[in-house]
C-alpha atoms as a PDB file:
ATOM      1  CA  UNK A   1      -1.344  19.042  -0.517  1.00  0.00           C
ATOM      2  CA  UNK A   2      -2.012  16.645   2.202  1.00  0.00           C
ATOM      3  CA  UNK A   3       0.976  14.092   2.863  1.00  0.00           C
ATOM      4  CA  UNK A   4      -1.091  11.147   1.504  1.00  0.00           C
ATOM      5  CA  UNK A   5      -1.918  13.036  -1.736  1.00  0.00           C
ATOM      6  CA  UNK A   6       1.635  14.009  -2.168  1.00  0.00           C
ATOM      7  CA  UNK A   7       2.913  10.135  -1.599  1.00  0.00           C
ATOM      8  CA  UNK A   8       0.240   9.418  -4.252  1.00  0.00           C
ATOM      9  CA  UNK A   9       1.338  12.017  -7.137  1.00  0.00           C
ATOM     10  CA  UNK A  10       4.937  10.941  -6.459  1.00  0.00           C
ATOM     11  CA  UNK A  11       3.971   7.108  -7.456  1.00  0.00           C
ATOM     12  CA  UNK A  12       5.883   5.091 -10.110  1.00  0.00           C
ATOM     13  CA  UNK A  13       4.077   4.934 -12.777  1.00  0.00           C
ATOM     14  CA  UNK A  14       6.527   3.861 -15.854  1.00  0.00           C
ATOM     15  CA  UNK A  15       9.144   1.535 -16.639  1.00  0.00           C
ATOM     16  CA  UNK A  16      11.510   4.033 -16.733  1.00  0.00           C
ATOM     17  CA  UNK A  17      11.314   5.011 -13.334  1.00  0.00           C
ATOM     18  CA  UNK A  18      10.946   1.297 -12.254  1.00  0.00           C
ATOM     19  CA  UNK A  19      14.498   0.944 -14.284  1.00  0.00           C
ATOM     20  CA  UNK A  20      15.995   3.775 -12.426  1.00  0.00           C
ATOM     21  CA  UNK A  21      14.728   2.910  -8.917  1.00  0.00           C
ATOM     22  CA  UNK A  22      15.846  -0.820  -9.066  1.00  0.00           C
ATOM     23  CA  UNK A  23      18.804   0.051 -11.514  1.00  0.00           C
ATOM     24  CA  UNK A  24      17.382  -2.783 -13.732  1.00  0.00           C
ATOM     25  CA  UNK A  25      16.686  -2.890 -17.160  1.00  0.00           C
ATOM     26  CA  UNK A  26      13.003  -4.753 -17.831  1.00  0.00           C
ATOM     27  CA  UNK A  27      12.654  -6.022 -21.045  1.00  0.00           C
ATOM     28  CA  UNK A  28      10.632  -4.105 -24.209  1.00  0.00           C
ATOM     29  CA  UNK A  29       7.599  -5.842 -24.078  1.00  0.00           C
ATOM     30  CA  UNK A  30       6.622  -5.069 -20.529  1.00  0.00           C
ATOM     31  CA  UNK A  31       5.650  -1.312 -21.962  1.00  0.00           C
ATOM     32  CA  UNK A  32       2.675  -3.701 -23.509  1.00  0.00           C
ATOM     33  CA  UNK A  33       1.690  -4.904 -20.175  1.00  0.00           C
ATOM     34  CA  UNK A  34       1.632  -1.204 -19.039  1.00  0.00           C
ATOM     35  CA  UNK A  35      -0.682  -0.201 -22.172  1.00  0.00           C
ATOM     36  CA  UNK A  36      -2.959  -2.771 -20.886  1.00  0.00           C
ATOM     37  CA  UNK A  37      -2.568  -3.134 -17.181  1.00  0.00           C
ATOM     38  CA  UNK A  38      -1.484   0.254 -15.732  1.00  0.00           C
ATOM     39  CA  UNK A  39       1.728   0.630 -13.152  1.00  0.00           C
ATOM     40  CA  UNK A  40       1.448   2.624  -9.567  1.00  0.00           C
ATOM     41  CA  UNK A  41       3.892   2.191  -6.608  1.00  0.00           C
ATOM     42  CA  UNK A  42       3.462   4.856  -4.206  1.00  0.00           C
ATOM     43  CA  UNK A  43       7.004   5.943  -2.119  1.00  0.00           C
ATOM     44  CA  UNK A  44       5.580   4.528   1.196  1.00  0.00           C
ATOM     45  CA  UNK A  45       4.721   0.985  -0.099  1.00  0.00           C
ATOM     46  CA  UNK A  46       8.048   1.254  -2.483  1.00  0.00           C
ATOM     47  CA  UNK A  47      10.471   1.613   0.710  1.00  0.00           C
ATOM     48  CA  UNK A  48       9.151  -1.281   2.443  1.00  0.00           C
ATOM     49  CA  UNK A  49      10.650  -3.592  -0.935  1.00  0.00           C
ATOM     50  CA  UNK A  50      13.761  -5.551   0.050  1.00  0.00           C
ATOM     51  CA  UNK A  51      14.519  -6.857  -2.666  1.00  0.00           C
ATOM     52  CA  UNK A  52      13.975  -7.799  -6.150  1.00  0.00           C
ATOM     53  CA  UNK A  53      11.411 -10.539  -6.510  1.00  0.00           C
ATOM     54  CA  UNK A  54      10.617 -10.259  -2.171  1.00  0.00           C
ATOM     55  CA  UNK A  55       6.604 -10.839  -1.563  1.00  0.00           C
ATOM     56  CA  UNK A  56       6.319  -7.742  -2.244  1.00  0.00           C
ATOM     57  CA  UNK A  57       7.859  -6.972  -5.152  1.00  0.00           C
ATOM     58  CA  UNK A  58       6.188  -9.780  -6.474  1.00  0.00           C
ATOM     59  CA  UNK A  59       2.858  -7.899  -5.614  1.00  0.00           C
ATOM     60  CA  UNK A  60       3.566  -4.607  -6.849  1.00  0.00           C
ATOM     61  CA  UNK A  61       6.293  -4.720 -10.293  1.00  0.00           C
ATOM     62  CA  UNK A  62       4.438  -5.442 -13.596  1.00  0.00           C
ATOM     63  CA  UNK A  63       5.431  -9.376 -15.123  1.00  0.00           C
ATOM     64  CA  UNK A  64       5.279 -10.191 -18.794  1.00  0.00           C
ATOM     65  CA  UNK A  65       3.140 -13.192 -17.389  1.00  0.00           C
ATOM     66  CA  UNK A  66       0.262 -10.699 -17.613  1.00  0.00           C
ATOM     67  CA  UNK A  67      -0.218 -10.560 -21.296  1.00  0.00           C
ATOM     68  CA  UNK A  68       0.897 -14.044 -21.934  1.00  0.00           C
ATOM     69  CA  UNK A  69      -1.559 -15.991 -23.376  1.00  0.00           C
ATOM     70  CA  UNK A  70      -4.504 -17.379 -20.915  1.00  0.00           C
ATOM     71  CA  UNK A  71      -8.301 -18.340 -21.235  1.00  0.00           C
ATOM     72  CA  UNK A  72      -9.271 -16.660 -18.234  1.00  0.00           C
ATOM     73  CA  UNK A  73     -11.937 -13.984 -18.527  1.00  0.00           C
ATOM     74  CA  UNK A  74     -11.432 -10.614 -17.513  1.00  0.00           C
ATOM     75  CA  UNK A  75     -14.767 -10.461 -15.477  1.00  0.00           C
ATOM     76  CA  UNK A  76     -14.421 -13.636 -14.180  1.00  0.00           C
ATOM     77  CA  UNK A  77     -17.494 -13.110 -11.309  1.00  0.00           C
ATOM     78  CA  UNK A  78     -19.912 -11.810 -14.399  1.00  0.00           C
ATOM     79  CA  UNK A  79     -20.106  -8.489 -12.613  1.00  0.00           C
ATOM     80  CA  UNK A  80     -21.107  -6.339 -15.902  1.00  0.00           C
ATOM     81  CA  UNK A  81     -24.441  -8.943 -16.072  1.00  0.00           C
ATOM     82  CA  UNK A  82     -25.073  -8.374 -12.592  1.00  0.00           C
ATOM     83  CA  UNK A  83     -25.188  -4.914 -12.644  1.00  0.00           C
ATOM     84  CA  UNK A  84     -28.552  -3.462 -12.839  1.00  0.00           C
ATOM     85  CA  UNK A  85     -27.504   0.199 -12.811  1.00  0.00           C
ATOM     86  CA  UNK A  86     -24.220   1.617 -13.311  1.00  0.00           C
ATOM     87  CA  UNK A  87     -21.445   1.039 -10.544  1.00  0.00           C
ATOM     88  CA  UNK A  88     -23.748  -1.721  -8.915  1.00  0.00           C
ATOM     89  CA  UNK A  89     -23.247  -5.189  -8.863  1.00  0.00           C
ATOM     90  CA  UNK A  90     -26.311  -7.255  -6.944  1.00  0.00           C
ATOM     91  CA  UNK A  91     -25.451 -10.914  -6.727  1.00  0.00           C
ATOM     92  CA  UNK A  92     -26.801 -11.892  -3.798  1.00  0.00           C
ATOM     93  CA  UNK A  93     -30.566 -11.385  -2.886  1.00  0.00           C
ATOM     94  CA  UNK A  94     -30.270  -9.352   0.731  1.00  0.00           C
ATOM     95  CA  UNK A  95     -27.028  -6.945  -0.622  1.00  0.00           C
ATOM     96  CA  UNK A  96     -24.911  -5.578  -3.153  1.00  0.00           C
ATOM     97  CA  UNK A  97     -21.732  -4.455  -4.153  1.00  0.00           C
ATOM     98  CA  UNK A  98     -20.877  -0.600  -5.419  1.00  0.00           C
ATOM     99  CA  UNK A  99     -17.998   0.342  -7.193  1.00  0.00           C
ATOM    100  CA  UNK A 100     -16.887   3.950  -6.693  1.00  0.00           C
ATOM    101  CA  UNK A 101     -13.694   4.290  -7.317  1.00  0.00           C
ATOM    102  CA  UNK A 102     -11.145   2.932  -9.849  1.00  0.00           C
ATOM    103  CA  UNK A 103      -7.954   4.292  -8.232  1.00  0.00           C
ATOM    104  CA  UNK A 104      -5.930   2.827  -5.517  1.00  0.00           C
ATOM    105  CA  UNK A 105      -2.950   3.746  -3.501  1.00  0.00           C
ATOM    106  CA  UNK A 106      -1.135   0.619  -5.632  1.00  0.00           C
ATOM    107  CA  UNK A 107      -2.171  -1.033  -8.268  1.00  0.00           C
ATOM    108  CA  UNK A 108      -1.609  -4.892  -7.285  1.00  0.00           C
ATOM    109  CA  UNK A 109      -0.612  -7.064  -9.848  1.00  0.00           C
ATOM    110  CA  UNK A 110      -3.494 -10.184  -9.214  1.00  0.00           C
ATOM    111  CA  UNK A 111      -6.253  -7.673  -9.103  1.00  0.00           C
ATOM    112  CA  UNK A 112      -9.280  -8.952  -9.743  1.00  0.00           C
ATOM    113  CA  UNK A 113     -10.704  -5.906 -11.241  1.00  0.00           C
ATOM    114  CA  UNK A 114      -7.530  -5.680 -13.680  1.00  0.00           C
ATOM    115  CA  UNK A 115      -9.813  -4.711 -16.636  1.00  0.00           C
ATOM    116  CA  UNK A 116     -11.388  -1.366 -14.497  1.00  0.00           C
ATOM    117  CA  UNK A 117      -8.384   0.285 -12.407  1.00  0.00           C
ATOM    118  CA  UNK A 118      -6.290   2.327 -13.331  1.00  0.00           C
ATOM    119  CA  UNK A 119      -8.452   3.914 -16.060  1.00  0.00           C
ATOM    120  CA  UNK A 120      -9.383   7.426 -16.666  1.00  0.00           C
ATOM    121  CA  UNK A 121     -12.839   6.851 -17.850  1.00  0.00           C
ATOM    122  CA  UNK A 122     -16.024   5.468 -15.344  1.00  0.00           C
ATOM    123  CA  UNK A 123     -15.450   8.259 -12.115  1.00  0.00           C
ATOM    124  CA  UNK A 124     -18.076   7.813 -10.401  1.00  0.00           C
ATOM    125  CA  UNK A 125     -20.573  10.589  -9.973  1.00  0.00           C
ATOM    126  CA  UNK A 126     -23.607  12.053  -8.413  1.00  0.00           C
ATOM    127  CA  UNK A 127     -25.766  10.886 -11.324  1.00  0.00           C
ATOM    128  CA  UNK A 128     -24.358   7.239 -10.263  1.00  0.00           C
ATOM    129  CA  UNK A 129     -25.389   8.048  -6.593  1.00  0.00           C
ATOM    130  CA  UNK A 130     -28.743   9.145  -7.530  1.00  0.00           C
ATOM    131  CA  UNK A 131     -29.159   6.471  -9.619  1.00  0.00           C
ATOM    132  CA  UNK A 132     -27.929   3.660  -6.773  1.00  0.00           C
ATOM    133  CA  UNK A 133     -29.996   5.403  -4.143  1.00  0.00           C
ATOM    134  CA  UNK A 134     -33.060   4.849  -6.871  1.00  0.00           C
ATOM    135  CA  UNK A 135     -32.399   1.596  -7.300  1.00  0.00           C
ATOM    136  CA  UNK A 136     -31.944   0.758  -3.399  1.00  0.00           C
ATOM    137  CA  UNK A 137     -35.068   2.602  -2.769  1.00  0.00           C
ATOM    138  CA  UNK A 138     -36.742   0.067  -5.076  1.00  0.00           C
ATOM    139  CA  UNK A 139     -35.226  -2.925  -3.413  1.00  0.00           C
ATOM    140  CA  UNK A 140     -35.462  -3.044   0.354  1.00  0.00           C
ATOM    141  CA  UNK A 141     -34.361  -6.442   0.665  1.00  0.00           C
ATOM    142  CA  UNK A 142     -30.844  -5.340   0.132  1.00  0.00           C
ATOM    143  CA  UNK A 143     -29.877  -4.348   3.906  1.00  0.00           C
ATOM    144  CA  UNK A 144     -26.250  -3.959   3.560  1.00  0.00           C
ATOM    145  CA  UNK A 145     -23.901  -2.601   0.717  1.00  0.00           C
ATOM    146  CA  UNK A 146     -20.397  -3.396   0.271  1.00  0.00           C
ATOM    147  CA  UNK A 147     -18.418  -0.336  -0.757  1.00  0.00           C
ATOM    148  CA  UNK A 148     -15.403  -1.678  -3.278  1.00  0.00           C
ATOM    149  CA  UNK A 149     -13.426  -0.481  -6.645  1.00  0.00           C
ATOM    150  CA  UNK A 150     -10.512   0.289  -7.320  1.00  0.00           C
ATOM    151  CA  UNK A 151     -10.530   1.717  -3.360  1.00  0.00           C
ATOM    152  CA  UNK A 152     -13.061   3.890  -1.660  1.00  0.00           C
ATOM    153  CA  UNK A 153     -10.374   5.140   0.648  1.00  0.00           C
ATOM    154  CA  UNK A 154      -8.580   6.988  -2.304  1.00  0.00           C
ATOM    155  CA  UNK A 155     -12.206   9.381  -2.214  1.00  0.00           C
ATOM    156  CA  UNK A 156     -11.859  12.698  -0.796  1.00  0.00           C
ATOM    157  CA  UNK A 157     -13.248  12.982   2.637  1.00  0.00           C
ATOM    158  CA  UNK A 158     -15.983  15.177   1.243  1.00  0.00           C
ATOM    159  CA  UNK A 159     -16.935  12.836  -1.395  1.00  0.00           C
ATOM    160  CA  UNK A 160     -16.849   9.606   0.598  1.00  0.00           C
ATOM    161  CA  UNK A 161     -19.295  11.549   3.264  1.00  0.00           C
ATOM    162  CA  UNK A 162     -21.306  12.353   0.942  1.00  0.00           C
ATOM    163  CA  UNK A 163     -21.677   8.468  -0.226  1.00  0.00           C
ATOM    164  CA  UNK A 164     -22.069   7.150   3.098  1.00  0.00           C
ATOM    165  CA  UNK A 165     -24.811   9.734   3.834  1.00  0.00           C
ATOM    166  CA  UNK A 166     -26.615   9.271   1.031  1.00  0.00           C
ATOM    167  CA  UNK A 167     -26.329   5.096   1.167  1.00  0.00           C
ATOM    168  CA  UNK A 168     -27.893   5.239   4.835  1.00  0.00           C
ATOM    169  CA  UNK A 169     -30.345   7.414   3.918  1.00  0.00           C
ATOM    170  CA  UNK A 170     -32.316   4.727   2.114  1.00  0.00           C
ATOM    171  CA  UNK A 171     -34.726   3.082   5.188  1.00  0.00           C
ATOM    172  CA  UNK A 172     -33.688  -0.598   4.500  1.00  0.00           C
ATOM    173  CA  UNK A 173     -30.096  -0.244   4.724  1.00  0.00           C
ATOM    174  CA  UNK A 174     -28.577  -1.410   8.260  1.00  0.00           C
ATOM    175  CA  UNK A 175     -24.882  -2.196   7.261  1.00  0.00           C
ATOM    176  CA  UNK A 176     -21.885  -0.487   5.476  1.00  0.00           C
ATOM    177  CA  UNK A 177     -18.887  -2.152   4.590  1.00  0.00           C
ATOM    178  CA  UNK A 178     -16.005  -0.538   3.006  1.00  0.00           C
ATOM    179  CA  UNK A 179     -13.165  -3.027   1.458  1.00  0.00           C
ATOM    180  CA  UNK A 180      -9.704  -0.914   1.598  1.00  0.00           C
ATOM    181  CA  UNK A 181      -6.080  -1.584   0.933  1.00  0.00           C
ATOM    182  CA  UNK A 182      -4.938   1.636   2.060  1.00  0.00           C
ATOM    183  CA  UNK A 183      -4.189   0.699   5.506  1.00  0.00           C
ATOM    184  CA  UNK A 184      -1.434  -1.647   4.002  1.00  0.00           C
ATOM    185  CA  UNK A 185      -0.208   0.218   1.092  1.00  0.00           C
ATOM    186  CA  UNK A 186      -1.204   3.671   2.431  1.00  0.00           C
ATOM    187  CA  UNK A 187      -1.656   3.708   5.900  1.00  0.00           C
ATOM    188  CA  UNK A 188      -1.390   7.633   6.547  1.00  0.00           C
ATOM    189  CA  UNK A 189      -4.627   7.807   4.521  1.00  0.00           C
ATOM    190  CA  UNK A 190      -6.111   6.877   7.793  1.00  0.00           C
ATOM    191  CA  UNK A 191      -5.836  10.357   9.414  1.00  0.00           C
ATOM    192  CA  UNK A 192      -8.433  11.530  11.992  1.00  0.00           C
ATOM    193  CA  UNK A 193     -10.195  13.544   9.991  1.00  0.00           C
ATOM    194  CA  UNK A 194     -11.509  10.447   7.837  1.00  0.00           C
ATOM    195  CA  UNK A 195     -12.093   8.620  11.024  1.00  0.00           C
ATOM    196  CA  UNK A 196     -14.167  11.103  12.446  1.00  0.00           C
ATOM    197  CA  UNK A 197     -16.205  10.684   9.363  1.00  0.00           C
ATOM    198  CA  UNK A 198     -16.471   7.581   9.406  1.00  0.00           C
ATOM    199  CA  UNK A 199     -17.590   7.173  12.959  1.00  0.00           C
ATOM    200  CA  UNK A 200     -20.418   9.121  12.500  1.00  0.00           C
ATOM    201  CA  UNK A 201     -22.124   6.148  10.163  1.00  0.00           C
ATOM    202  CA  UNK A 202     -22.560   2.735  12.502  1.00  0.00           C
ATOM    203  CA  UNK A 203     -22.626   0.343  12.215  1.00  0.00           C
ATOM    204  CA  UNK A 204     -19.996   0.448   9.527  1.00  0.00           C
ATOM    205  CA  UNK A 205     -17.117  -2.359   9.057  1.00  0.00           C
ATOM    206  CA  UNK A 206     -14.168  -2.189   7.319  1.00  0.00           C
ATOM    207  CA  UNK A 207     -12.087  -5.355   5.474  1.00  0.00           C
ATOM    208  CA  UNK A 208      -8.526  -4.668   5.311  1.00  0.00           C
ATOM    209  CA  UNK A 209      -6.585  -6.449   2.632  1.00  0.00           C
ATOM    210  CA  UNK A 210      -3.203  -7.681   4.144  1.00  0.00           C
ATOM    211  CA  UNK A 211      -1.165 -10.578   2.440  1.00  0.00           C
ATOM    212  CA  UNK A 212       2.405 -10.746   3.746  1.00  0.00           C
ATOM    213  CA  UNK A 213       3.571  -9.962   7.655  1.00  0.00           C
ATOM    214  CA  UNK A 214       6.172  -7.685   5.695  1.00  0.00           C
ATOM    215  CA  UNK A 215       3.093  -5.546   5.529  1.00  0.00           C
ATOM    216  CA  UNK A 216       1.799  -5.061   8.584  1.00  0.00           C
ATOM    217  CA  UNK A 217       4.651  -2.255   9.733  1.00  0.00           C
ATOM    218  CA  UNK A 218       4.163  -0.058  12.677  1.00  0.00           C
ATOM    219  CA  UNK A 219       2.268   2.752  10.123  1.00  0.00           C
ATOM    220  CA  UNK A 220       0.043   0.178   9.555  1.00  0.00           C
ATOM    221  CA  UNK A 221      -0.655  -0.917  12.824  1.00  0.00           C
ATOM    222  CA  UNK A 222      -1.559   2.106  13.676  1.00  0.00           C
ATOM    223  CA  UNK A 223      -4.052   2.853  11.029  1.00  0.00           C
ATOM    224  CA  UNK A 224      -5.368  -0.118  12.269  1.00  0.00           C
ATOM    225  CA  UNK A 225      -5.469   0.980  15.702  1.00  0.00           C
ATOM    226  CA  UNK A 226      -6.834   4.238  15.028  1.00  0.00           C
ATOM    227  CA  UNK A 227      -9.719   2.770  12.839  1.00  0.00           C
ATOM    228  CA  UNK A 228     -10.386   0.769  15.530  1.00  0.00           C
ATOM    229  CA  UNK A 229     -10.408   3.623  18.319  1.00  0.00           C
ATOM    230  CA  UNK A 230     -12.713   5.459  16.125  1.00  0.00           C
ATOM    231  CA  UNK A 231     -14.702   2.497  16.639  1.00  0.00           C
ATOM    232  CA  UNK A 232     -14.930   1.082  13.066  1.00  0.00           C
ATOM    233  CA  UNK A 233     -14.887  -2.904  13.128  1.00  0.00           C
ATOM    234  CA  UNK A 234     -11.559  -4.485  10.914  1.00  0.00           C
ATOM    235  CA  UNK A 235     -11.419  -7.974   9.337  1.00  0.00           C
ATOM    236  CA  UNK A 236      -9.072  -8.710   6.945  1.00  0.00           C
ATOM    237  CA  UNK A 237      -8.661 -11.013   3.638  1.00  0.00           C
ATOM    238  CA  UNK A 238      -5.884 -12.221   2.393  1.00  0.00           C
ATOM    239  CA  UNK A 239      -5.371 -14.136  -1.526  1.00  0.00           C
ATOM    240  CA  UNK A 240      -3.345 -16.871  -2.024  1.00  0.00           C
ATOM    241  CA  UNK A 241      -0.417 -16.086  -3.765  1.00  0.00           C
ATOM    242  CA  UNK A 242       1.921 -18.416  -5.543  1.00  0.00           C
ATOM    243  CA  UNK A 243       5.459 -17.583  -4.349  1.00  0.00           C
ATOM    244  CA  UNK A 244       4.136 -14.670  -1.577  1.00  0.00           C
ATOM    245  CA  UNK A 245       1.905 -16.034   0.943  1.00  0.00           C
ATOM    246  CA  UNK A 246       1.213 -19.871  -0.365  1.00  0.00           C
ATOM    247  CA  UNK A 247       2.447 -21.539   2.630  1.00  0.00           C
ATOM    248  CA  UNK A 248       1.163 -22.542   6.530  1.00  0.00           C
ATOM    249  CA  UNK A 249       4.114 -20.348   8.527  1.00  0.00           C
ATOM    250  CA  UNK A 250       3.653 -17.136   6.825  1.00  0.00           C
ATOM    251  CA  UNK A 251      -0.274 -17.098   6.623  1.00  0.00           C
ATOM    252  CA  UNK A 252       0.228 -18.215  10.403  1.00  0.00           C
ATOM    253  CA  UNK A 253       2.601 -15.409  11.034  1.00  0.00           C
ATOM    254  CA  UNK A 254       0.138 -12.820   9.310  1.00  0.00           C
ATOM    255  CA  UNK A 255      -2.860 -14.044  11.078  1.00  0.00           C
ATOM    256  CA  UNK A 256      -1.468 -13.818  13.793  1.00  0.00           C
ATOM    257  CA  UNK A 257      -0.065 -10.464  13.679  1.00  0.00           C
ATOM    258  CA  UNK A 258      -3.432  -9.533  12.651  1.00  0.00           C
ATOM    259  CA  UNK A 259      -5.009 -10.491  15.727  1.00  0.00           C
ATOM    260  CA  UNK A 260      -2.568  -8.541  17.945  1.00  0.00           C
ATOM    261  CA  UNK A 261      -3.452  -5.386  15.857  1.00  0.00           C
ATOM    262  CA  UNK A 262      -6.883  -5.980  16.077  1.00  0.00           C
ATOM    263  CA  UNK A 263      -7.728  -6.811  13.010  1.00  0.00           C
ATOM    264  CA  UNK A 264     -10.094 -10.016  12.858  1.00  0.00           C
ATOM    265  CA  UNK A 265      -9.179 -12.301   9.912  1.00  0.00           C
ATOM    266  CA  UNK A 266     -11.840 -13.364   7.889  1.00  0.00           C
ATOM    267  CA  UNK A 267     -11.535 -15.134   4.563  1.00  0.00           C
ATOM    268  CA  UNK A 268      -8.504 -16.730   2.912  1.00  0.00           C
ATOM    269  CA  UNK A 269      -9.191 -16.502  -0.839  1.00  0.00           C
ATOM    270  CA  UNK A 270      -8.064 -18.984  -3.286  1.00  0.00           C
ATOM    271  CA  UNK A 271      -7.623 -16.220  -6.394  1.00  0.00           C
ATOM    272  CA  UNK A 272     -10.072 -15.496  -8.772  1.00  0.00           C
ATOM    273  CA  UNK A 273      -9.852 -16.866 -12.472  1.00  0.00           C
ATOM    274  CA  UNK A 274      -8.655 -13.120 -13.973  1.00  0.00           C
ATOM    275  CA  UNK A 275      -6.535 -12.616 -16.702  1.00  0.00           C
ATOM    276  CA  UNK A 276      -3.622 -11.444 -16.222  1.00  0.00           C
ATOM    277  CA  UNK A 277      -3.093 -12.910 -13.232  1.00  0.00           C
ATOM    278  CA  UNK A 278      -2.703 -16.728 -14.023  1.00  0.00           C
ATOM    279  CA  UNK A 279       0.773 -17.308 -12.868  1.00  0.00           C
ATOM    280  CA  UNK A 280      -0.358 -15.852  -9.309  1.00  0.00           C
ATOM    281  CA  UNK A 281      -2.419 -18.956  -8.622  1.00  0.00           C
ATOM    282  CA  UNK A 282      -1.836 -21.904  -5.960  1.00  0.00           C
ATOM    283  CA  UNK A 283      -3.489 -25.281  -6.561  1.00  0.00           C
ATOM    284  CA  UNK A 284      -6.461 -25.633  -4.363  1.00  0.00           C
ATOM    285  CA  UNK A 285      -4.936 -28.271  -1.998  1.00  0.00           C
ATOM    286  CA  UNK A 286      -2.535 -25.401  -0.989  1.00  0.00           C
ATOM    287  CA  UNK A 287      -5.232 -23.662   0.668  1.00  0.00           C
ATOM    288  CA  UNK A 288      -6.798 -26.983   2.288  1.00  0.00           C
ATOM    289  CA  UNK A 289      -3.190 -27.754   3.787  1.00  0.00           C
ATOM    290  CA  UNK A 290      -2.980 -24.604   5.252  1.00  0.00           C
ATOM    291  CA  UNK A 291      -5.952 -24.098   7.172  1.00  0.00           C
ATOM    292  CA  UNK A 292      -5.699 -28.058   7.946  1.00  0.00           C
ATOM    293  CA  UNK A 293      -1.987 -27.066   9.502  1.00  0.00           C
ATOM    294  CA  UNK A 294      -3.248 -24.357  11.406  1.00  0.00           C
ATOM    295  CA  UNK A 295      -6.704 -25.910  12.548  1.00  0.00           C
ATOM    296  CA  UNK A 296      -6.120 -26.925  16.736  1.00  0.00           C
ATOM    297  CA  UNK A 297      -2.693 -25.347  16.720  1.00  0.00           C
ATOM    298  CA  UNK A 298      -3.905 -21.669  16.100  1.00  0.00           C
ATOM    299  CA  UNK A 299      -6.365 -19.985  18.100  1.00  0.00           C
ATOM    300  CA  UNK A 300      -9.673 -20.079  16.615  1.00  0.00           C
ATOM    301  CA  UNK A 301      -9.249 -15.797  16.681  1.00  0.00           C
ATOM    302  CA  UNK A 302      -6.825 -16.086  13.708  1.00  0.00           C
ATOM    303  CA  UNK A 303      -8.440 -18.948  11.556  1.00  0.00           C
ATOM    304  CA  UNK A 304      -9.635 -17.239   8.669  1.00  0.00           C
ATOM    305  CA  UNK A 305     -12.274 -18.888   6.113  1.00  0.00           C
ATOM    306  CA  UNK A 306     -10.913 -20.722   2.807  1.00  0.00           C
ATOM    307  CA  UNK A 307     -13.051 -19.865   0.208  1.00  0.00           C
ATOM    308  CA  UNK A 308     -13.482 -19.337  -3.685  1.00  0.00           C
ATOM    309  CA  UNK A 309     -15.601 -16.613  -5.437  1.00  0.00           C
ATOM    310  CA  UNK A 310     -17.084 -19.249  -8.090  1.00  0.00           C
ATOM    311  CA  UNK A 311     -16.546 -18.239 -11.657  1.00  0.00           C
ATOM    312  CA  UNK A 312     -19.539 -16.639 -13.575  1.00  0.00           C
ATOM    313  CA  UNK A 313     -20.706 -14.842 -10.520  1.00  0.00           C
ATOM    314  CA  UNK A 314     -22.470 -17.860  -8.937  1.00  0.00           C
ATOM    315  CA  UNK A 315     -21.201 -16.263  -5.471  1.00  0.00           C
ATOM    316  CA  UNK A 316     -18.168 -16.761  -2.478  1.00  0.00           C
ATOM    317  CA  UNK A 317     -18.170 -20.567  -1.165  1.00  0.00           C
ATOM    318  CA  UNK A 318     -16.403 -21.810   1.783  1.00  0.00           C
ATOM    319  CA  UNK A 319     -14.445 -24.167   1.185  1.00  0.00           C
ATOM    320  CA  UNK A 320     -13.801 -27.679   3.002  1.00  0.00           C
ATOM    321  CA  UNK A 321     -12.179 -30.758   1.712  1.00  0.00           C
ATOM    322  CA  UNK A 322     -15.630 -32.614   2.608  1.00  0.00           C
ATOM    323  CA  UNK A 323     -18.174 -30.530   0.538  1.00  0.00           C
ATOM    324  CA  UNK A 324     -15.818 -30.128  -2.675  1.00  0.00           C
ATOM    325  CA  UNK A 325     -15.105 -33.034  -5.394  1.00  0.00           C
ATOM    326  CA  UNK A 326     -12.034 -32.702  -7.694  1.00  0.00           C
ATOM    327  CA  UNK A 327     -13.375 -34.195 -11.380  1.00  0.00           C
ATOM    328  CA  UNK A 328     -11.209 -33.766 -14.159  1.00  0.00           C
ATOM    329  CA  UNK A 329      -8.737 -30.682 -13.592  1.00  0.00           C
ATOM    330  CA  UNK A 330     -12.027 -28.959 -11.808  1.00  0.00           C
ATOM    331  CA  UNK A 331     -13.628 -28.467  -8.189  1.00  0.00           C
ATOM    332  CA  UNK A 332     -16.839 -28.808  -8.355  1.00  0.00           C
ATOM    333  CA  UNK A 333     -19.311 -27.500  -5.288  1.00  0.00           C
ATOM    334  CA  UNK A 334     -22.692 -26.447  -4.695  1.00  0.00           C
ATOM    335  CA  UNK A 335     -22.959 -22.311  -4.388  1.00  0.00           C
ATOM    336  CA  UNK A 336     -25.949 -20.590  -2.237  1.00  0.00           C
ATOM    337  CA  UNK A 337     -28.492 -21.495  -4.553  1.00  0.00           C
ATOM    338  CA  UNK A 338     -27.708 -25.306  -4.789  1.00  0.00           C
ATOM    339  CA  UNK A 339     -25.853 -24.754  -8.084  1.00  0.00           C
ATOM    340  CA  UNK A 340     -22.942 -26.704  -8.985  1.00  0.00           C
ATOM    341  CA  UNK A 341     -19.823 -24.554  -9.982  1.00  0.00           C
ATOM    342  CA  UNK A 342     -16.703 -25.550 -11.199  1.00  0.00           C
ATOM    343  CA  UNK A 343     -13.477 -23.780 -10.412  1.00  0.00           C
ATOM    344  CA  UNK A 344     -10.288 -24.816 -12.570  1.00  0.00           C
ATOM    345  CA  UNK A 345      -7.629 -26.603 -10.475  1.00  0.00           C
ATOM    346  CA  UNK A 346      -4.779 -25.950 -13.379  1.00  0.00           C
END
């Protein structure tokens, strides 16, 4: 068994294992959280947690707030209703999202797809891939495909290679993007063998997901460097999380470190209004203030675009103080179709 697979196999997946590691007693009701939202913390990421309640602990360890009564939906981006074939989400005219895995190296507690990730069903199969390829061939306006999940890099090398080969065989597909957290949560997954496979498929872009400077370890930086050295273009998407990275100093430190590691800061996301994540939600003004503080005092290379995925699946919206209006506890703005979207700011 390869090193990264052994780390996955040795992950913490139960409350009992958490209690043993952290030498503390968790509330009995925590078992109810795991029945709804699985737990996985691999030994690498676990080793980065310095103390109970630190920014990495909060991202990885379950909390009773995940099952507190909440009006947020399970599928805030309306992905199920925007899926013409299994596992494919077609929201924008020229690009689509393909969910190729429901597994991750660590199950982040703030995940938009908490409803799907870590579940035993819905494994991506050859039948699913055939349906997707057929759909893409009949929708030639789609020229870009984003692989997501779960995490695409948790797939076997040969499986990922087969998916990339099949997608790039569609004449209209010009670009593939991969969204992955493995350079952050399990950097040893980025092997030379994997990089050689990815190198064959150009243009190929990889968006990483670092949320805190502590995650940018020597191992993580080396994983990013390996991808870049093999010709893969790297960007980063960060989610703004209450009590974790919701201040200008933390975000600035992270973005500068990413640029130094040859990773371009891409988006700073307002968290999606997903059921079970309300305790991570920050006020919209927090994001505005962070970007305002960074602008002019930090290189433009290091300033991400502050954005929100509008509820109901109406698309991604860059946020600026002058393109949005706060009305009765909701931020109102227009999406790429000119539709008015509302995001709760409470």
